[in-house]
Amino acid sequence: MLEEARTRVNENGRVVIPSSFRKALGIEVGDEVVLRIEGDELRITTQQRRIQKAQRRARQHVKRGTSLVNELLAERREAAKGE
């Protein structure tokens, strides 16, 4: 995969993302992308990639086999008993 490419901004402010970049990031026609300014750089990603990154981070702090959904449901049921 190319790690760098040059492109131009057209009169409407549009930029073409090279196909090799789109393929590497799993970006398909019609997908929504997320733009973020980080320092003096523009970063482009997808919401799905952001979710995957958050899940990887969360897995570092959760024991294997633990279901956060089940824990949350148990907490909600316990809280509902007190209402």
PDB file of N, CA and C in Angstrom:
ATOM      1  N   MET A   1       0.844  -1.188   0.000  1.00  0.00           N
ATOM      2  CA  MET A   1       0.000   0.000   0.000  1.00  0.00           C
ATOM      3  C   MET A   1       0.884   1.245   0.000  1.00  0.00           C
ATOM      4  N   LEU A   2       0.424   2.245  -0.709  1.00  0.00           N
ATOM      5  CA  LEU A   2       1.107   3.538  -0.671  1.00  0.00           C
ATOM      6  C   LEU A   2       0.916   4.143   0.719  1.00  0.00           C
ATOM      7  N   GLU A   3       1.938   4.764   1.229  1.00  0.00           N
ATOM      8  CA  GLU A   3       1.828   5.426   2.523  1.00  0.00           C
ATOM      9  C   GLU A   3       1.629   6.916   2.363  1.00  0.00           C
ATOM     10  N   GLU A   4       1.848   7.401   1.143  1.00  0.00           N
ATOM     11  CA  GLU A   4       1.715   8.822   0.885  1.00  0.00           C
ATOM     12  C   GLU A   4       1.295   9.014  -0.562  1.00  0.00           C
ATOM     13  N   ALA A   5       0.471  10.012  -0.779  1.00  0.00           N
ATOM     14  CA  ALA A   5       0.050  10.350  -2.139  1.00  0.00           C
ATOM     15  C   ALA A   5      -0.236  11.838  -2.180  1.00  0.00           C
ATOM     16  N   ARG A   6      -0.124  12.398  -3.349  1.00  0.00           N
ATOM     17  CA  ARG A   6      -0.461  13.815  -3.534  1.00  0.00           C
ATOM     18  C   ARG A   6      -1.732  13.909  -4.339  1.00  0.00           C
ATOM     19  N   THR A   7      -2.543  14.874  -3.970  1.00  0.00           N
ATOM     20  CA  THR A   7      -3.787  15.137  -4.696  1.00  0.00           C
ATOM     21  C   THR A   7      -4.079  16.616  -4.563  1.00  0.00           C
ATOM     22  N   ARG A   8      -5.027  17.100  -5.315  1.00  0.00           N
ATOM     23  CA  ARG A   8      -5.381  18.524  -5.255  1.00  0.00           C
ATOM     24  C   ARG A   8      -6.805  18.694  -4.749  1.00  0.00           C
ATOM     25  N   VAL A   9      -7.025  19.816  -4.109  1.00  0.00           N
ATOM     26  CA  VAL A   9      -8.359  20.187  -3.663  1.00  0.00           C
ATOM     27  C   VAL A   9      -9.022  20.908  -4.835  1.00  0.00           C
ATOM     28  N   ASN A  10     -10.229  20.451  -5.213  1.00  0.00           N
ATOM     29  CA  ASN A  10     -10.883  21.112  -6.344  1.00  0.00           C
ATOM     30  C   ASN A  10     -11.641  22.356  -5.878  1.00  0.00           C
ATOM     31  N   GLU A  11     -12.312  23.023  -6.818  1.00  0.00           N
ATOM     32  CA  GLU A  11     -12.985  24.294  -6.505  1.00  0.00           C
ATOM     33  C   GLU A  11     -14.115  24.142  -5.487  1.00  0.00           C
ATOM     34  N   ASN A  12     -14.628  22.923  -5.328  1.00  0.00           N
ATOM     35  CA  ASN A  12     -15.681  22.687  -4.342  1.00  0.00           C
ATOM     36  C   ASN A  12     -15.133  22.209  -2.999  1.00  0.00           C
ATOM     37  N   GLY A  13     -13.804  22.193  -2.879  1.00  0.00           N
ATOM     38  CA  GLY A  13     -13.184  21.750  -1.638  1.00  0.00           C
ATOM     39  C   GLY A  13     -13.077  20.239  -1.531  1.00  0.00           C
ATOM     40  N   ARG A  14     -13.288  19.535  -2.621  1.00  0.00           N
ATOM     41  CA  ARG A  14     -13.248  18.077  -2.607  1.00  0.00           C
ATOM     42  C   ARG A  14     -11.836  17.553  -2.864  1.00  0.00           C
ATOM     43  N   VAL A  15     -11.565  16.415  -2.233  1.00  0.00           N
ATOM     44  CA  VAL A  15     -10.289  15.731  -2.389  1.00  0.00           C
ATOM     45  C   VAL A  15     -10.600  14.275  -2.719  1.00  0.00           C
ATOM     46  N   VAL A  16      -9.894  13.711  -3.669  1.00  0.00           N
ATOM     47  CA  VAL A  16     -10.072  12.303  -4.016  1.00  0.00           C
ATOM     48  C   VAL A  16      -9.127  11.471  -3.153  1.00  0.00           C
ATOM     49  N   ILE A  17      -9.679  10.466  -2.478  1.00  0.00           N
ATOM     50  CA  ILE A  17      -8.868   9.531  -1.707  1.00  0.00           C
ATOM     51  C   ILE A  17      -8.472   8.412  -2.667  1.00  0.00           C
ATOM     52  N   PRO A  18      -7.183   8.197  -2.874  1.00  0.00           N
ATOM     53  CA  PRO A  18      -6.754   7.160  -3.813  1.00  0.00           C
ATOM     54  C   PRO A  18      -7.356   5.791  -3.470  1.00  0.00           C
ATOM     55  N   SER A  19      -7.644   5.007  -4.487  1.00  0.00           N
ATOM     56  CA  SER A  19      -8.308   3.716  -4.297  1.00  0.00           C
ATOM     57  C   SER A  19      -7.515   2.784  -3.374  1.00  0.00           C
ATOM     58  N   SER A  20      -6.182   2.812  -3.453  1.00  0.00           N
ATOM     59  CA  SER A  20      -5.390   1.937  -2.580  1.00  0.00           C
ATOM     60  C   SER A  20      -5.579   2.316  -1.109  1.00  0.00           C
ATOM     61  N   PHE A  21      -5.751   3.608  -0.835  1.00  0.00           N
ATOM     62  CA  PHE A  21      -5.995   4.065   0.537  1.00  0.00           C
ATOM     63  C   PHE A  21      -7.383   3.623   0.983  1.00  0.00           C
ATOM     64  N   ARG A  22      -8.374   3.822   0.111  1.00  0.00           N
ATOM     65  CA  ARG A  22      -9.750   3.418   0.450  1.00  0.00           C
ATOM     66  C   ARG A  22      -9.811   1.920   0.721  1.00  0.00           C
ATOM     67  N   LYS A  23      -9.148   1.153  -0.127  1.00  0.00           N
ATOM     68  CA  LYS A  23      -9.149  -0.298   0.045  1.00  0.00           C
ATOM     69  C   LYS A  23      -8.492  -0.690   1.364  1.00  0.00           C
ATOM     70  N   ALA A  24      -7.363  -0.089   1.679  1.00  0.00           N
ATOM     71  CA  ALA A  24      -6.645  -0.403   2.915  1.00  0.00           C
ATOM     72  C   ALA A  24      -7.479  -0.079   4.152  1.00  0.00           C
ATOM     73  N   LEU A  25      -8.297   0.968   4.062  1.00  0.00           N
ATOM     74  CA  LEU A  25      -9.127   1.384   5.196  1.00  0.00           C
ATOM     75  C   LEU A  25     -10.523   0.791   5.159  1.00  0.00           C
ATOM     76  N   GLY A  26     -10.824   0.048   4.095  1.00  0.00           N
ATOM     77  CA  GLY A  26     -12.151  -0.563   3.986  1.00  0.00           C
ATOM     78  C   GLY A  26     -13.238   0.446   3.689  1.00  0.00           C
ATOM     79  N   ILE A  27     -12.900   1.535   3.036  1.00  0.00           N
ATOM     80  CA  ILE A  27     -13.880   2.572   2.704  1.00  0.00           C
ATOM     81  C   ILE A  27     -14.541   2.214   1.380  1.00  0.00           C
ATOM     82  N   GLU A  28     -15.864   2.110   1.394  1.00  0.00           N
ATOM     83  CA  GLU A  28     -16.650   1.772   0.207  1.00  0.00           C
ATOM     84  C   GLU A  28     -17.429   2.999  -0.254  1.00  0.00           C
ATOM     85  N   VAL A  29     -17.910   2.944  -1.495  1.00  0.00           N
ATOM     86  CA  VAL A  29     -18.728   4.024  -2.041  1.00  0.00           C
ATOM     87  C   VAL A  29     -19.934   4.239  -1.131  1.00  0.00           C
ATOM     88  N   GLY A  30     -20.180   5.477  -0.764  1.00  0.00           N
ATOM     89  CA  GLY A  30     -21.322   5.819   0.082  1.00  0.00           C
ATOM     90  C   GLY A  30     -21.029   5.779   1.567  1.00  0.00           C
ATOM     91  N   ASP A  31     -19.864   5.250   1.968  1.00  0.00           N
ATOM     92  CA  ASP A  31     -19.521   5.209   3.394  1.00  0.00           C
ATOM     93  C   ASP A  31     -19.338   6.624   3.926  1.00  0.00           C
ATOM     94  N   GLU A  32     -19.688   6.797   5.173  1.00  0.00           N
ATOM     95  CA  GLU A  32     -19.449   8.060   5.860  1.00  0.00           C
ATOM     96  C   GLU A  32     -18.050   8.007   6.455  1.00  0.00           C
ATOM     97  N   VAL A  33     -17.302   9.073   6.300  1.00  0.00           N
ATOM     98  CA  VAL A  33     -15.971   9.149   6.894  1.00  0.00           C
ATOM     99  C   VAL A  33     -15.968  10.219   7.970  1.00  0.00           C
ATOM    100  N   VAL A  34     -15.039  10.072   8.901  1.00  0.00           N
ATOM    101  CA  VAL A  34     -14.896  11.009  10.005  1.00  0.00           C
ATOM    102  C   VAL A  34     -13.605  11.788   9.775  1.00  0.00           C
ATOM    103  N   LEU A  35     -13.712  13.110   9.778  1.00  0.00           N
ATOM    104  CA  LEU A  35     -12.548  13.980   9.607  1.00  0.00           C
ATOM    105  C   LEU A  35     -12.212  14.611  10.947  1.00  0.00           C
ATOM    106  N   ARG A  36     -10.921  14.661  11.256  1.00  0.00           N
ATOM    107  CA  ARG A  36     -10.498  15.252  12.524  1.00  0.00           C
ATOM    108  C   ARG A  36      -9.190  15.999  12.293  1.00  0.00           C
ATOM    109  N   ILE A  37      -9.107  17.179  12.855  1.00  0.00           N
ATOM    110  CA  ILE A  37      -7.850  17.922  12.821  1.00  0.00           C
ATOM    111  C   ILE A  37      -7.072  17.534  14.061  1.00  0.00           C
ATOM    112  N   GLU A  38      -5.855  17.061  13.848  1.00  0.00           N
ATOM    113  CA  GLU A  38      -4.988  16.664  14.944  1.00  0.00           C
ATOM    114  C   GLU A  38      -3.671  17.411  14.769  1.00  0.00           C
ATOM    115  N   GLY A  39      -3.469  18.393  15.613  1.00  0.00           N
ATOM    116  CA  GLY A  39      -2.307  19.268  15.438  1.00  0.00           C
ATOM    117  C   GLY A  39      -2.485  20.049  14.148  1.00  0.00           C
ATOM    118  N   ASP A  40      -1.544  19.883  13.238  1.00  0.00           N
ATOM    119  CA  ASP A  40      -1.661  20.564  11.947  1.00  0.00           C
ATOM    120  C   ASP A  40      -1.955  19.577  10.818  1.00  0.00           C
ATOM    121  N   GLU A  41      -2.573  18.423  11.170  1.00  0.00           N
ATOM    122  CA  GLU A  41      -2.885  17.394  10.188  1.00  0.00           C
ATOM    123  C   GLU A  41      -4.378  17.116  10.138  1.00  0.00           C
ATOM    124  N   LEU A  42      -4.836  16.717   8.967  1.00  0.00           N
ATOM    125  CA  LEU A  42      -6.211  16.267   8.784  1.00  0.00           C
ATOM    126  C   LEU A  42      -6.194  14.748   8.769  1.00  0.00           C
ATOM    127  N   ARG A  43      -6.964  14.142   9.648  1.00  0.00           N
ATOM    128  CA  ARG A  43      -7.033  12.683   9.711  1.00  0.00           C
ATOM    129  C   ARG A  43      -8.396  12.230   9.224  1.00  0.00           C
ATOM    130  N   ILE A  44      -8.406  11.180   8.432  1.00  0.00           N
ATOM    131  CA  ILE A  44      -9.639  10.636   7.875  1.00  0.00           C
ATOM    132  C   ILE A  44      -9.744   9.175   8.291  1.00  0.00           C
ATOM    133  N   THR A  45     -10.879   8.797   8.832  1.00  0.00           N
ATOM    134  CA  THR A  45     -11.140   7.417   9.204  1.00  0.00           C
ATOM    135  C   THR A  45     -12.629   7.151   9.041  1.00  0.00           C
ATOM    136  N   THR A  46     -13.059   5.961   9.389  1.00  0.00           N
ATOM    137  CA  THR A  46     -14.482   5.634   9.346  1.00  0.00           C
ATOM    138  C   THR A  46     -14.986   5.440  10.772  1.00  0.00           C
ATOM    139  N   GLN A  47     -16.278   5.540  10.943  1.00  0.00           N
ATOM    140  CA  GLN A  47     -16.862   5.323  12.260  1.00  0.00           C
ATOM    141  C   GLN A  47     -16.599   3.886  12.701  1.00  0.00           C
ATOM    142  N   GLN A  48     -16.675   2.948  11.762  1.00  0.00           N
ATOM    143  CA  GLN A  48     -16.423   1.541  12.095  1.00  0.00           C
ATOM    144  C   GLN A  48     -15.001   1.348  12.628  1.00  0.00           C
ATOM    145  N   ARG A  49     -14.031   2.005  12.006  1.00  0.00           N
ATOM    146  CA  ARG A  49     -12.651   1.907  12.480  1.00  0.00           C
ATOM    147  C   ARG A  49     -12.514   2.490  13.882  1.00  0.00           C
ATOM    148  N   ARG A  50     -13.217   3.580  14.146  1.00  0.00           N
ATOM    149  CA  ARG A  50     -13.159   4.188  15.483  1.00  0.00           C
ATOM    150  C   ARG A  50     -13.749   3.250  16.528  1.00  0.00           C
ATOM    151  N   ILE A  51     -14.835   2.577  16.167  1.00  0.00           N
ATOM    152  CA  ILE A  51     -15.465   1.614  17.081  1.00  0.00           C
ATOM    153  C   ILE A  51     -14.506   0.462  17.356  1.00  0.00           C
ATOM    154  N   GLN A  52     -13.878  -0.061  16.299  1.00  0.00           N
ATOM    155  CA  GLN A  52     -12.934  -1.164  16.463  1.00  0.00           C
ATOM    156  C   GLN A  52     -11.763  -0.758  17.370  1.00  0.00           C
ATOM    157  N   LYS A  53     -11.281   0.458  17.190  1.00  0.00           N
ATOM    158  CA  LYS A  53     -10.175   0.955  18.018  1.00  0.00           C
ATOM    159  C   LYS A  53     -10.606   1.047  19.488  1.00  0.00           C
ATOM    160  N   ALA A  54     -11.803   1.547  19.736  1.00  0.00           N
ATOM    161  CA  ALA A  54     -12.317   1.646  21.112  1.00  0.00           C
ATOM    162  C   ALA A  54     -12.496   0.258  21.721  1.00  0.00           C
ATOM    163  N   GLN A  55     -12.967  -0.705  20.919  1.00  0.00           N
ATOM    164  CA  GLN A  55     -13.134  -2.066  21.419  1.00  0.00           C
ATOM    165  C   GLN A  55     -11.783  -2.688  21.789  1.00  0.00           C
ATOM    166  N   ARG A  56     -10.768  -2.453  20.971  1.00  0.00           N
ATOM    167  CA  ARG A  56      -9.430  -2.975  21.289  1.00  0.00           C
ATOM    168  C   ARG A  56      -8.922  -2.374  22.599  1.00  0.00           C
ATOM    169  N   ARG A  57      -9.147  -1.082  22.777  1.00  0.00           N
ATOM    170  CA  ARG A  57      -8.712  -0.420  24.017  1.00  0.00           C
ATOM    171  C   ARG A  57      -9.450  -0.999  25.227  1.00  0.00           C
ATOM    172  N   ALA A  58     -10.756  -1.192  25.080  1.00  0.00           N
ATOM    173  CA  ALA A  58     -11.560  -1.714  26.186  1.00  0.00           C
ATOM    174  C   ALA A  58     -11.139  -3.133  26.552  1.00  0.00           C
ATOM    175  N   ARG A  59     -10.815  -3.950  25.554  1.00  0.00           N
ATOM    176  CA  ARG A  59     -10.403  -5.331  25.808  1.00  0.00           C
ATOM    177  C   ARG A  59      -9.148  -5.419  26.674  1.00  0.00           C
ATOM    178  N   GLN A  60      -8.327  -4.397  26.637  1.00  0.00           N
ATOM    179  CA  GLN A  60      -7.110  -4.392  27.451  1.00  0.00           C
ATOM    180  C   GLN A  60      -7.434  -4.334  28.949  1.00  0.00           C
ATOM    181  N   HIS A  61      -8.640  -3.880  29.284  1.00  0.00           N
ATOM    182  CA  HIS A  61      -9.008  -3.661  30.686  1.00  0.00           C
ATOM    183  C   HIS A  61     -10.106  -4.593  31.178  1.00  0.00           C
ATOM    184  N   VAL A  62     -10.524  -5.531  30.334  1.00  0.00           N
ATOM    185  CA  VAL A  62     -11.608  -6.445  30.698  1.00  0.00           C
ATOM    186  C   VAL A  62     -11.068  -7.871  30.635  1.00  0.00           C
ATOM    187  N   LYS A  63     -11.356  -8.644  31.682  1.00  0.00           N
ATOM    188  CA  LYS A  63     -10.893 -10.033  31.707  1.00  0.00           C
ATOM    189  C   LYS A  63     -11.554 -10.827  30.590  1.00  0.00           C
ATOM    190  N   ARG A  64     -10.810 -11.745  30.010  1.00  0.00           N
ATOM    191  CA  ARG A  64     -11.311 -12.607  28.942  1.00  0.00           C
ATOM    192  C   ARG A  64     -12.526 -13.384  29.456  1.00  0.00           C
ATOM    193  N   GLY A  65     -13.558 -13.438  28.646  1.00  0.00           N
ATOM    194  CA  GLY A  65     -14.773 -14.154  29.018  1.00  0.00           C
ATOM    195  C   GLY A  65     -15.784 -13.308  29.776  1.00  0.00           C
ATOM    196  N   THR A  66     -15.422 -12.080  30.111  1.00  0.00           N
ATOM    197  CA  THR A  66     -16.327 -11.185  30.823  1.00  0.00           C
ATOM    198  C   THR A  66     -17.257 -10.504  29.823  1.00  0.00           C
ATOM    199  N   SER A  67     -18.544 -10.505  30.123  1.00  0.00           N
ATOM    200  CA  SER A  67     -19.515  -9.832  29.267  1.00  0.00           C
ATOM    201  C   SER A  67     -19.923  -8.516  29.921  1.00  0.00           C
ATOM    202  N   LEU A  68     -19.495  -7.419  29.333  1.00  0.00           N
ATOM    203  CA  LEU A  68     -19.867  -6.115  29.874  1.00  0.00           C
ATOM    204  C   LEU A  68     -21.365  -5.888  29.761  1.00  0.00           C
ATOM    205  N   VAL A  69     -21.972  -6.438  28.736  1.00  0.00           N
ATOM    206  CA  VAL A  69     -23.427  -6.309  28.563  1.00  0.00           C
ATOM    207  C   VAL A  69     -24.138  -6.987  29.725  1.00  0.00           C
ATOM    208  N   ASN A  70     -23.731  -8.212  30.051  1.00  0.00           N
ATOM    209  CA  ASN A  70     -24.367  -8.923  31.163  1.00  0.00           C
ATOM    210  C   ASN A  70     -24.149  -8.200  32.484  1.00  0.00           C
ATOM    211  N   GLU A  71     -22.963  -7.641  32.679  1.00  0.00           N
ATOM    212  CA  GLU A  71     -22.695  -6.887  33.900  1.00  0.00           C
ATOM    213  C   GLU A  71     -23.576  -5.646  33.984  1.00  0.00           C
ATOM    214  N   LEU A  72     -23.729  -4.951  32.870  1.00  0.00           N
ATOM    215  CA  LEU A  72     -24.578  -3.765  32.850  1.00  0.00           C
ATOM    216  C   LEU A  72     -26.033  -4.135  33.130  1.00  0.00           C
ATOM    217  N   LEU A  73     -26.515  -5.192  32.487  1.00  0.00           N
ATOM    218  CA  LEU A  73     -27.904  -5.621  32.726  1.00  0.00           C
ATOM    219  C   LEU A  73     -28.121  -5.998  34.189  1.00  0.00           C
ATOM    220  N   ALA A  74     -27.160  -6.694  34.784  1.00  0.00           N
ATOM    221  CA  ALA A  74     -27.280  -7.075  36.194  1.00  0.00           C
ATOM    222  C   ALA A  74     -27.331  -5.836  37.077  1.00  0.00           C
ATOM    223  N   GLU A  75     -26.484  -4.850  36.779  1.00  0.00           N
ATOM    224  CA  GLU A  75     -26.484  -3.608  37.551  1.00  0.00           C
ATOM    225  C   GLU A  75     -27.817  -2.886  37.410  1.00  0.00           C
ATOM    226  N   ARG A  76     -28.370  -2.856  36.192  1.00  0.00           N
ATOM    227  CA  ARG A  76     -29.649  -2.166  35.966  1.00  0.00           C
ATOM    228  C   ARG A  76     -30.784  -2.877  36.695  1.00  0.00           C
ATOM    229  N   ARG A  77     -30.761  -4.198  36.657  1.00  0.00           N
ATOM    230  CA  ARG A  77     -31.815  -4.962  37.371  1.00  0.00           C
ATOM    231  C   ARG A  77     -31.737  -4.698  38.880  1.00  0.00           C
ATOM    232  N   GLU A  78     -30.524  -4.682  39.391  1.00  0.00           N
ATOM    233  CA  GLU A  78     -30.329  -4.427  40.816  1.00  0.00           C
ATOM    234  C   GLU A  78     -30.807  -3.018  41.176  1.00  0.00           C
ATOM    235  N   ALA A  79     -30.499  -2.052  40.339  1.00  0.00           N
ATOM    236  CA  ALA A  79     -30.930  -0.678  40.589  1.00  0.00           C
ATOM    237  C   ALA A  79     -32.454  -0.565  40.497  1.00  0.00           C
ATOM    238  N   ALA A  80     -33.056  -1.310  39.574  1.00  0.00           N
ATOM    239  CA  ALA A  80     -34.519  -1.260  39.413  1.00  0.00           C
ATOM    240  C   ALA A  80     -35.241  -1.828  40.628  1.00  0.00           C
ATOM    241  N   LYS A  81     -34.624  -2.775  41.317  1.00  0.00           N
ATOM    242  CA  LYS A  81     -35.234  -3.341  42.522  1.00  0.00           C
ATOM    243  C   LYS A  81     -35.422  -2.288  43.601  1.00  0.00           C
ATOM    244  N   GLY A  82     -34.509  -1.335  43.634  1.00  0.00           N
ATOM    245  CA  GLY A  82     -34.552  -0.306  44.663  1.00  0.00           C
ATOM    246  C   GLY A  82     -35.503   0.845  44.333  1.00  0.00           C
ATOM    247  N   GLU A  83     -36.084   0.828  43.165  1.00  0.00           N
ATOM    248  CA  GLU A  83     -36.970   1.933  42.773  1.00  0.00           C
ATOM    249  C   GLU A  83     -38.378   1.733  43.224  1.00  0.00           C
TER     250      GLU A  83
END
